[in-house]
């Protein structure tokens, strides 16, 4: 008798978990959609009958996670979903999370890592994690990186809003801070942005600092803008080899830290 009761409880638990999983799948479908979905469209997306999904959708509407704002019968994310999303965003500390991930990245690759954020004067280094190669360079915390020639700077040039980048270039602040060369040709900006966004990373093969090779990838926020540039720097071209081990690992790390996938940021 006890054995039968335990079996029933296990079945009930499994059913409860399955229902929760389906409910999460419904929410994920609305997150991925570009707009409201009808039950028919939701069923096609999830590969489930609309009749089966109706009770899940009704429960989510009752809980405030979904809403039905239009007479068309389509549903969309509700106020509770917005509240959860905003709470998660407020707790998403990009810099600290990236710092922890960079320590592991440097340990696994052996090359030096840096982190940069956008400051008043341009891309600014805020963390330096030395690898086993023990590089010697004049760069340090607080250094401002060049937008066009450094891998770090190129990430900001590509993944900040276009209007913000062009306004910064027009202001002359970058020339004064060293973020932009005095004779830099700004006409290359659009092509550079397109190429880096296509690749999902930026490289500098001994152009910014002779003898050093750097690769950088963006940590993107919910709007697709860069919050942190994570960069690896070394003496070997292996750092910038897309077919090697280091660059793909860097890109994967930045992607995992991002709210929005760099590959879909356009």
C-alpha atoms as a PDB file:
ATOM      1  CA  UNK A   1       0.000   0.000   0.000  1.00  0.00           C
ATOM      2  CA  UNK A   2       2.817   2.330   0.886  1.00  0.00           C
ATOM      3  CA  UNK A   3       4.591   1.310  -2.291  1.00  0.00           C
ATOM      4  CA  UNK A   4       1.555   2.223  -4.378  1.00  0.00           C
ATOM      5  CA  UNK A   5       1.291   5.601  -2.694  1.00  0.00           C
ATOM      6  CA  UNK A   6       4.954   6.343  -3.409  1.00  0.00           C
ATOM      7  CA  UNK A   7       4.456   5.432  -7.078  1.00  0.00           C
ATOM      8  CA  UNK A   8       1.460   7.745  -7.361  1.00  0.00           C
ATOM      9  CA  UNK A   9       3.438  10.572  -5.811  1.00  0.00           C
ATOM     10  CA  UNK A  10       6.283  10.041  -8.279  1.00  0.00           C
ATOM     11  CA  UNK A  11       3.871  10.087 -11.210  1.00  0.00           C
ATOM     12  CA  UNK A  12       2.258  13.234  -9.862  1.00  0.00           C
ATOM     13  CA  UNK A  13       5.668  14.853  -9.513  1.00  0.00           C
ATOM     14  CA  UNK A  14       6.602  13.972 -13.063  1.00  0.00           C
ATOM     15  CA  UNK A  15       3.335  15.395 -14.347  1.00  0.00           C
ATOM     16  CA  UNK A  16       3.871  18.558 -12.368  1.00  0.00           C
ATOM     17  CA  UNK A  17       7.338  19.017 -13.831  1.00  0.00           C
ATOM     18  CA  UNK A  18       6.078  18.319 -17.341  1.00  0.00           C
ATOM     19  CA  UNK A  19       3.356  20.943 -16.954  1.00  0.00           C
ATOM     20  CA  UNK A  20       5.904  23.445 -15.729  1.00  0.00           C
ATOM     21  CA  UNK A  21       8.158  22.680 -18.699  1.00  0.00           C
ATOM     22  CA  UNK A  22       5.291  23.204 -21.137  1.00  0.00           C
ATOM     23  CA  UNK A  23       4.399  26.487 -19.447  1.00  0.00           C
ATOM     24  CA  UNK A  24       8.007  27.662 -19.788  1.00  0.00           C
ATOM     25  CA  UNK A  25       8.011  26.600 -23.444  1.00  0.00           C
ATOM     26  CA  UNK A  26       4.911  28.728 -24.005  1.00  0.00           C
ATOM     27  CA  UNK A  27       6.592  31.755 -22.435  1.00  0.00           C
ATOM     28  CA  UNK A  28       9.788  31.154 -24.422  1.00  0.00           C
ATOM     29  CA  UNK A  29       7.761  31.056 -27.634  1.00  0.00           C
ATOM     30  CA  UNK A  30       6.331  34.498 -26.883  1.00  0.00           C
ATOM     31  CA  UNK A  31       9.796  35.825 -25.960  1.00  0.00           C
ATOM     32  CA  UNK A  32      11.180  34.617 -29.311  1.00  0.00           C
ATOM     33  CA  UNK A  33       8.219  35.925 -31.332  1.00  0.00           C
ATOM     34  CA  UNK A  34       8.284  39.388 -32.907  1.00  0.00           C
ATOM     35  CA  UNK A  35       4.768  40.104 -31.702  1.00  0.00           C
ATOM     36  CA  UNK A  36       1.506  38.594 -30.431  1.00  0.00           C
ATOM     37  CA  UNK A  37       0.605  34.984 -31.222  1.00  0.00           C
ATOM     38  CA  UNK A  38      -2.739  33.267 -31.651  1.00  0.00           C
ATOM     39  CA  UNK A  39      -3.258  29.808 -30.195  1.00  0.00           C
ATOM     40  CA  UNK A  40      -2.957  28.366 -33.695  1.00  0.00           C
ATOM     41  CA  UNK A  41       0.373  30.112 -34.281  1.00  0.00           C
ATOM     42  CA  UNK A  42       1.602  29.057 -30.839  1.00  0.00           C
ATOM     43  CA  UNK A  43       0.642  25.464 -31.584  1.00  0.00           C
ATOM     44  CA  UNK A  44       2.535  25.549 -34.869  1.00  0.00           C
ATOM     45  CA  UNK A  45       5.588  26.986 -33.118  1.00  0.00           C
ATOM     46  CA  UNK A  46       5.621  24.373 -30.356  1.00  0.00           C
ATOM     47  CA  UNK A  47       4.288  21.467 -32.390  1.00  0.00           C
ATOM     48  CA  UNK A  48       1.348  20.984 -30.018  1.00  0.00           C
ATOM     49  CA  UNK A  49      -2.442  21.074 -30.518  1.00  0.00           C
ATOM     50  CA  UNK A  50      -3.994  24.462 -29.807  1.00  0.00           C
ATOM     51  CA  UNK A  51      -6.652  22.747 -27.694  1.00  0.00           C
ATOM     52  CA  UNK A  52      -3.976  21.378 -25.363  1.00  0.00           C
ATOM     53  CA  UNK A  53      -2.193  24.718 -25.130  1.00  0.00           C
ATOM     54  CA  UNK A  54      -5.353  26.624 -24.259  1.00  0.00           C
ATOM     55  CA  UNK A  55      -5.310  25.663 -20.564  1.00  0.00           C
ATOM     56  CA  UNK A  56      -1.649  26.628 -20.219  1.00  0.00           C
ATOM     57  CA  UNK A  57      -2.253  29.971 -21.884  1.00  0.00           C
ATOM     58  CA  UNK A  58      -5.341  30.580 -19.717  1.00  0.00           C
ATOM     59  CA  UNK A  59      -3.327  29.896 -16.566  1.00  0.00           C
ATOM     60  CA  UNK A  60      -0.555  32.241 -17.681  1.00  0.00           C
ATOM     61  CA  UNK A  61      -3.119  34.943 -18.463  1.00  0.00           C
ATOM     62  CA  UNK A  62      -4.670  34.523 -15.001  1.00  0.00           C
ATOM     63  CA  UNK A  63      -1.213  34.832 -13.434  1.00  0.00           C
ATOM     64  CA  UNK A  64      -0.425  37.966 -15.456  1.00  0.00           C
ATOM     65  CA  UNK A  65       2.426  36.443 -17.472  1.00  0.00           C
ATOM     66  CA  UNK A  66       0.385  36.643 -20.684  1.00  0.00           C
ATOM     67  CA  UNK A  67      -2.236  39.132 -21.818  1.00  0.00           C
ATOM     68  CA  UNK A  68      -4.840  39.313 -24.565  1.00  0.00           C
ATOM     69  CA  UNK A  69      -4.877  43.003 -25.430  1.00  0.00           C
ATOM     70  CA  UNK A  70      -6.472  42.715 -28.867  1.00  0.00           C
ATOM     71  CA  UNK A  71      -9.837  41.546 -30.108  1.00  0.00           C
ATOM     72  CA  UNK A  72      -8.104  39.422 -32.728  1.00  0.00           C
ATOM     73  CA  UNK A  73      -7.652  36.686 -30.136  1.00  0.00           C
ATOM     74  CA  UNK A  74      -3.866  36.984 -30.152  1.00  0.00           C
ATOM     75  CA  UNK A  75      -1.914  36.829 -26.903  1.00  0.00           C
ATOM     76  CA  UNK A  76       1.234  38.639 -25.836  1.00  0.00           C
ATOM     77  CA  UNK A  77       3.525  38.916 -22.823  1.00  0.00           C
ATOM     78  CA  UNK A  78       1.826  40.398 -19.791  1.00  0.00           C
ATOM     79  CA  UNK A  79       2.828  42.707 -16.923  1.00  0.00           C
ATOM     80  CA  UNK A  80       4.182  39.912 -14.691  1.00  0.00           C
ATOM     81  CA  UNK A  81       6.533  38.816 -17.483  1.00  0.00           C
ATOM     82  CA  UNK A  82       7.733  42.400 -17.790  1.00  0.00           C
ATOM     83  CA  UNK A  83       8.314  42.603 -14.034  1.00  0.00           C
ATOM     84  CA  UNK A  84      10.385  39.401 -14.043  1.00  0.00           C
ATOM     85  CA  UNK A  85      12.400  40.605 -17.034  1.00  0.00           C
ATOM     86  CA  UNK A  86      13.151  43.972 -15.453  1.00  0.00           C
ATOM     87  CA  UNK A  87      14.157  42.338 -12.178  1.00  0.00           C
ATOM     88  CA  UNK A  88      16.569  40.037 -14.020  1.00  0.00           C
ATOM     89  CA  UNK A  89      18.038  42.959 -15.951  1.00  0.00           C
ATOM     90  CA  UNK A  90      18.545  44.987 -12.785  1.00  0.00           C
ATOM     91  CA  UNK A  91      20.489  42.079 -11.273  1.00  0.00           C
ATOM     92  CA  UNK A  92      22.576  41.402 -14.361  1.00  0.00           C
ATOM     93  CA  UNK A  93      25.959  42.831 -13.404  1.00  0.00           C
ATOM     94  CA  UNK A  94      27.817  42.555 -16.692  1.00  0.00           C
ATOM     95  CA  UNK A  95      31.202  43.683 -15.418  1.00  0.00           C
ATOM     96  CA  UNK A  96      31.426  41.342 -12.433  1.00  0.00           C
ATOM     97  CA  UNK A  97      30.107  38.382 -14.397  1.00  0.00           C
ATOM     98  CA  UNK A  98      32.547  39.056 -17.218  1.00  0.00           C
ATOM     99  CA  UNK A  99      35.434  39.407 -14.746  1.00  0.00           C
ATOM    100  CA  UNK A 100      34.733  35.980 -13.271  1.00  0.00           C
ATOM    101  CA  UNK A 101      34.461  34.420 -16.725  1.00  0.00           C
ATOM    102  CA  UNK A 102      37.656  36.105 -17.904  1.00  0.00           C
ATOM    103  CA  UNK A 103      39.679  34.549 -15.085  1.00  0.00           C
ATOM    104  CA  UNK A 104      38.641  31.121 -16.331  1.00  0.00           C
ATOM    105  CA  UNK A 105      39.291  32.144 -19.942  1.00  0.00           C
ATOM    106  CA  UNK A 106      42.854  33.264 -19.149  1.00  0.00           C
ATOM    107  CA  UNK A 107      43.497  30.108 -17.143  1.00  0.00           C
ATOM    108  CA  UNK A 108      42.336  27.918 -20.020  1.00  0.00           C
ATOM    109  CA  UNK A 109      44.200  29.763 -22.789  1.00  0.00           C
ATOM    110  CA  UNK A 110      47.294  31.008 -20.964  1.00  0.00           C
ATOM    111  CA  UNK A 111      47.138  34.394 -22.709  1.00  0.00           C
ATOM    112  CA  UNK A 112      46.536  37.774 -21.107  1.00  0.00           C
ATOM    113  CA  UNK A 113      42.971  39.044 -20.875  1.00  0.00           C
ATOM    114  CA  UNK A 114      41.541  42.538 -20.566  1.00  0.00           C
ATOM    115  CA  UNK A 115      38.087  44.002 -20.042  1.00  0.00           C
ATOM    116  CA  UNK A 116      36.915  47.404 -21.198  1.00  0.00           C
ATOM    117  CA  UNK A 117      33.780  49.499 -20.812  1.00  0.00           C
ATOM    118  CA  UNK A 118      32.679  52.675 -22.547  1.00  0.00           C
ATOM    119  CA  UNK A 119      33.773  55.735 -20.573  1.00  0.00           C
ATOM    120  CA  UNK A 120      33.551  59.483 -21.107  1.00  0.00           C
ATOM    121  CA  UNK A 121      36.657  59.411 -23.284  1.00  0.00           C
ATOM    122  CA  UNK A 122      36.069  56.165 -25.180  1.00  0.00           C
ATOM    123  CA  UNK A 123      36.777  52.442 -24.617  1.00  0.00           C
ATOM    124  CA  UNK A 124      38.486  52.258 -21.221  1.00  0.00           C
ATOM    125  CA  UNK A 125      40.334  49.293 -19.685  1.00  0.00           C
ATOM    126  CA  UNK A 126      38.901  48.340 -16.297  1.00  0.00           C
ATOM    127  CA  UNK A 127      40.528  44.954 -15.718  1.00  0.00           C
ATOM    128  CA  UNK A 128      43.794  43.256 -16.641  1.00  0.00           C
ATOM    129  CA  UNK A 129      44.312  39.536 -16.067  1.00  0.00           C
ATOM    130  CA  UNK A 130      47.871  38.395 -16.769  1.00  0.00           C
ATOM    131  CA  UNK A 131      48.409  35.073 -18.476  1.00  0.00           C
ATOM    132  CA  UNK A 132      51.409  32.785 -18.406  1.00  0.00           C
ATOM    133  CA  UNK A 133      53.019  34.796 -21.220  1.00  0.00           C
ATOM    134  CA  UNK A 134      53.583  37.787 -18.855  1.00  0.00           C
ATOM    135  CA  UNK A 135      53.267  40.538 -21.459  1.00  0.00           C
ATOM    136  CA  UNK A 136      54.951  43.881 -20.933  1.00  0.00           C
ATOM    137  CA  UNK A 137      53.091  46.869 -22.343  1.00  0.00           C
ATOM    138  CA  UNK A 138      52.439  50.493 -21.558  1.00  0.00           C
ATOM    139  CA  UNK A 139      48.719  49.778 -21.363  1.00  0.00           C
ATOM    140  CA  UNK A 140      47.128  49.588 -17.937  1.00  0.00           C
ATOM    141  CA  UNK A 141      43.905  50.148 -16.071  1.00  0.00           C
ATOM    142  CA  UNK A 142      42.312  53.370 -17.252  1.00  0.00           C
ATOM    143  CA  UNK A 143      43.979  53.281 -20.680  1.00  0.00           C
ATOM    144  CA  UNK A 144      41.739  54.459 -23.514  1.00  0.00           C
ATOM    145  CA  UNK A 145      41.774  52.197 -26.578  1.00  0.00           C
ATOM    146  CA  UNK A 146      41.704  53.326 -30.195  1.00  0.00           C
ATOM    147  CA  UNK A 147      38.316  52.854 -31.863  1.00  0.00           C
ATOM    148  CA  UNK A 148      39.761  51.979 -35.266  1.00  0.00           C
ATOM    149  CA  UNK A 149      43.037  50.142 -34.681  1.00  0.00           C
ATOM    150  CA  UNK A 150      42.614  48.203 -31.414  1.00  0.00           C
ATOM    151  CA  UNK A 151      40.504  45.037 -31.227  1.00  0.00           C
ATOM    152  CA  UNK A 152      38.797  46.352 -28.090  1.00  0.00           C
ATOM    153  CA  UNK A 153      37.981  49.711 -29.643  1.00  0.00           C
ATOM    154  CA  UNK A 154      36.609  48.123 -32.780  1.00  0.00           C
ATOM    155  CA  UNK A 155      34.102  46.160 -30.717  1.00  0.00           C
ATOM    156  CA  UNK A 156      32.709  49.387 -29.281  1.00  0.00           C
ATOM    157  CA  UNK A 157      32.726  51.036 -32.706  1.00  0.00           C
ATOM    158  CA  UNK A 158      30.691  48.117 -34.036  1.00  0.00           C
ATOM    159  CA  UNK A 159      28.299  47.376 -31.182  1.00  0.00           C
ATOM    160  CA  UNK A 160      27.455  50.770 -29.744  1.00  0.00           C
ATOM    161  CA  UNK A 161      24.470  52.496 -31.415  1.00  0.00           C
ATOM    162  CA  UNK A 162      25.597  53.990 -34.719  1.00  0.00           C
ATOM    163  CA  UNK A 163      24.348  57.453 -33.765  1.00  0.00           C
ATOM    164  CA  UNK A 164      26.296  57.409 -30.498  1.00  0.00           C
ATOM    165  CA  UNK A 165      29.532  56.415 -32.239  1.00  0.00           C
ATOM    166  CA  UNK A 166      29.206  59.082 -34.920  1.00  0.00           C
ATOM    167  CA  UNK A 167      28.342  61.740 -32.337  1.00  0.00           C
ATOM    168  CA  UNK A 168      31.453  60.782 -30.357  1.00  0.00           C
ATOM    169  CA  UNK A 169      33.609  61.039 -33.476  1.00  0.00           C
ATOM    170  CA  UNK A 170      32.138  64.427 -34.364  1.00  0.00           C
ATOM    171  CA  UNK A 171      32.699  65.795 -30.843  1.00  0.00           C
ATOM    172  CA  UNK A 172      36.484  65.663 -31.055  1.00  0.00           C
ATOM    173  CA  UNK A 173      36.705  64.067 -27.600  1.00  0.00           C
ATOM    174  CA  UNK A 174      38.182  60.907 -29.076  1.00  0.00           C
ATOM    175  CA  UNK A 175      41.081  62.738 -30.693  1.00  0.00           C
ATOM    176  CA  UNK A 176      41.895  64.475 -27.419  1.00  0.00           C
ATOM    177  CA  UNK A 177      41.718  61.224 -25.400  1.00  0.00           C
ATOM    178  CA  UNK A 178      43.584  59.038 -27.862  1.00  0.00           C
ATOM    179  CA  UNK A 179      40.528  56.976 -28.791  1.00  0.00           C
ATOM    180  CA  UNK A 180      40.755  58.265 -32.355  1.00  0.00           C
ATOM    181  CA  UNK A 181      43.814  59.168 -34.417  1.00  0.00           C
ATOM    182  CA  UNK A 182      43.969  62.792 -35.528  1.00  0.00           C
ATOM    183  CA  UNK A 183      44.197  61.752 -39.188  1.00  0.00           C
ATOM    184  CA  UNK A 184      41.704  58.875 -38.970  1.00  0.00           C
ATOM    185  CA  UNK A 185      39.374  58.471 -41.947  1.00  0.00           C
ATOM    186  CA  UNK A 186      35.898  58.040 -40.490  1.00  0.00           C
ATOM    187  CA  UNK A 187      34.493  56.852 -43.816  1.00  0.00           C
ATOM    188  CA  UNK A 188      35.588  53.308 -42.998  1.00  0.00           C
ATOM    189  CA  UNK A 189      33.266  53.124 -39.969  1.00  0.00           C
ATOM    190  CA  UNK A 190      30.195  51.682 -41.707  1.00  0.00           C
ATOM    191  CA  UNK A 191      32.115  48.912 -43.467  1.00  0.00           C
ATOM    192  CA  UNK A 192      33.997  48.071 -40.262  1.00  0.00           C
ATOM    193  CA  UNK A 193      30.769  47.862 -38.256  1.00  0.00           C
ATOM    194  CA  UNK A 194      29.176  45.543 -40.801  1.00  0.00           C
ATOM    195  CA  UNK A 195      32.164  43.203 -40.962  1.00  0.00           C
ATOM    196  CA  UNK A 196      32.648  42.925 -37.203  1.00  0.00           C
ATOM    197  CA  UNK A 197      28.946  42.315 -36.637  1.00  0.00           C
ATOM    198  CA  UNK A 198      29.030  39.618 -39.290  1.00  0.00           C
ATOM    199  CA  UNK A 199      31.958  37.887 -37.586  1.00  0.00           C
ATOM    200  CA  UNK A 200      30.942  38.523 -33.975  1.00  0.00           C
ATOM    201  CA  UNK A 201      34.474  39.552 -32.981  1.00  0.00           C
ATOM    202  CA  UNK A 202      37.317  41.957 -33.853  1.00  0.00           C
ATOM    203  CA  UNK A 203      41.046  41.381 -34.233  1.00  0.00           C
ATOM    204  CA  UNK A 204      44.219  43.450 -34.317  1.00  0.00           C
ATOM    205  CA  UNK A 205      47.229  41.663 -35.772  1.00  0.00           C
ATOM    206  CA  UNK A 206      50.165  43.719 -34.512  1.00  0.00           C
ATOM    207  CA  UNK A 207      48.634  46.946 -35.781  1.00  0.00           C
ATOM    208  CA  UNK A 208      47.860  48.591 -32.458  1.00  0.00           C
ATOM    209  CA  UNK A 209      50.889  47.337 -30.519  1.00  0.00           C
ATOM    210  CA  UNK A 210      53.704  45.903 -32.656  1.00  0.00           C
ATOM    211  CA  UNK A 211      54.351  42.244 -31.928  1.00  0.00           C
ATOM    212  CA  UNK A 212      51.087  41.651 -30.097  1.00  0.00           C
ATOM    213  CA  UNK A 213      47.957  39.995 -31.440  1.00  0.00           C
ATOM    214  CA  UNK A 214      44.545  40.691 -29.945  1.00  0.00           C
ATOM    215  CA  UNK A 215      40.993  39.369 -30.362  1.00  0.00           C
ATOM    216  CA  UNK A 216      37.959  40.928 -28.715  1.00  0.00           C
ATOM    217  CA  UNK A 217      34.297  39.949 -28.402  1.00  0.00           C
ATOM    218  CA  UNK A 218      31.266  41.858 -27.068  1.00  0.00           C
ATOM    219  CA  UNK A 219      29.094  41.171 -24.065  1.00  0.00           C
ATOM    220  CA  UNK A 220      25.743  42.541 -25.215  1.00  0.00           C
ATOM    221  CA  UNK A 221      22.833  43.840 -23.185  1.00  0.00           C
ATOM    222  CA  UNK A 222      19.115  43.349 -23.875  1.00  0.00           C
ATOM    223  CA  UNK A 223      19.181  46.118 -26.509  1.00  0.00           C
ATOM    224  CA  UNK A 224      22.060  44.576 -28.447  1.00  0.00           C
ATOM    225  CA  UNK A 225      24.547  47.228 -27.299  1.00  0.00           C
ATOM    226  CA  UNK A 226      27.983  46.329 -25.931  1.00  0.00           C
ATOM    227  CA  UNK A 227      28.378  46.563 -22.168  1.00  0.00           C
ATOM    228  CA  UNK A 228      31.837  44.992 -21.900  1.00  0.00           C
ATOM    229  CA  UNK A 229      34.516  44.083 -24.433  1.00  0.00           C
ATOM    230  CA  UNK A 230      36.448  40.966 -23.423  1.00  0.00           C
ATOM    231  CA  UNK A 231      39.839  40.805 -25.118  1.00  0.00           C
ATOM    232  CA  UNK A 232      42.675  38.293 -25.259  1.00  0.00           C
ATOM    233  CA  UNK A 233      46.191  39.496 -26.088  1.00  0.00           C
ATOM    234  CA  UNK A 234      49.271  37.440 -26.910  1.00  0.00           C
ATOM    235  CA  UNK A 235      52.472  37.241 -28.925  1.00  0.00           C
ATOM    236  CA  UNK A 236      51.200  34.487 -31.214  1.00  0.00           C
ATOM    237  CA  UNK A 237      48.866  34.641 -34.194  1.00  0.00           C
ATOM    238  CA  UNK A 238      47.059  31.729 -32.557  1.00  0.00           C
ATOM    239  CA  UNK A 239      45.095  34.351 -30.605  1.00  0.00           C
ATOM    240  CA  UNK A 240      43.415  35.606 -33.770  1.00  0.00           C
ATOM    241  CA  UNK A 241      43.082  32.301 -35.630  1.00  0.00           C
ATOM    242  CA  UNK A 242      39.361  31.581 -36.193  1.00  0.00           C
ATOM    243  CA  UNK A 243      40.184  27.923 -36.819  1.00  0.00           C
ATOM    244  CA  UNK A 244      42.228  27.594 -33.623  1.00  0.00           C
ATOM    245  CA  UNK A 245      41.140  27.049 -30.028  1.00  0.00           C
ATOM    246  CA  UNK A 246      41.564  30.493 -28.452  1.00  0.00           C
ATOM    247  CA  UNK A 247      39.345  32.761 -30.569  1.00  0.00           C
ATOM    248  CA  UNK A 248      36.316  30.402 -30.685  1.00  0.00           C
ATOM    249  CA  UNK A 249      36.541  30.017 -26.897  1.00  0.00           C
ATOM    250  CA  UNK A 250      36.602  33.800 -26.473  1.00  0.00           C
ATOM    251  CA  UNK A 251      33.548  34.239 -28.714  1.00  0.00           C
ATOM    252  CA  UNK A 252      31.666  31.477 -26.897  1.00  0.00           C
ATOM    253  CA  UNK A 253      32.456  33.029 -23.503  1.00  0.00           C
ATOM    254  CA  UNK A 254      31.221  36.480 -24.563  1.00  0.00           C
ATOM    255  CA  UNK A 255      28.094  34.975 -26.112  1.00  0.00           C
ATOM    256  CA  UNK A 256      27.276  33.118 -22.898  1.00  0.00           C
ATOM    257  CA  UNK A 257      27.652  36.353 -20.928  1.00  0.00           C
ATOM    258  CA  UNK A 258      25.423  38.302 -23.307  1.00  0.00           C
ATOM    259  CA  UNK A 259      21.702  38.836 -22.882  1.00  0.00           C
ATOM    260  CA  UNK A 260      21.394  39.038 -26.664  1.00  0.00           C
ATOM    261  CA  UNK A 261      23.375  36.772 -28.992  1.00  0.00           C
ATOM    262  CA  UNK A 262      25.915  38.887 -30.988  1.00  0.00           C
ATOM    263  CA  UNK A 263      25.063  36.797 -34.063  1.00  0.00           C
ATOM    264  CA  UNK A 264      21.453  38.029 -33.939  1.00  0.00           C
ATOM    265  CA  UNK A 265      22.058  41.616 -32.812  1.00  0.00           C
ATOM    266  CA  UNK A 266      21.149  43.083 -36.183  1.00  0.00           C
END
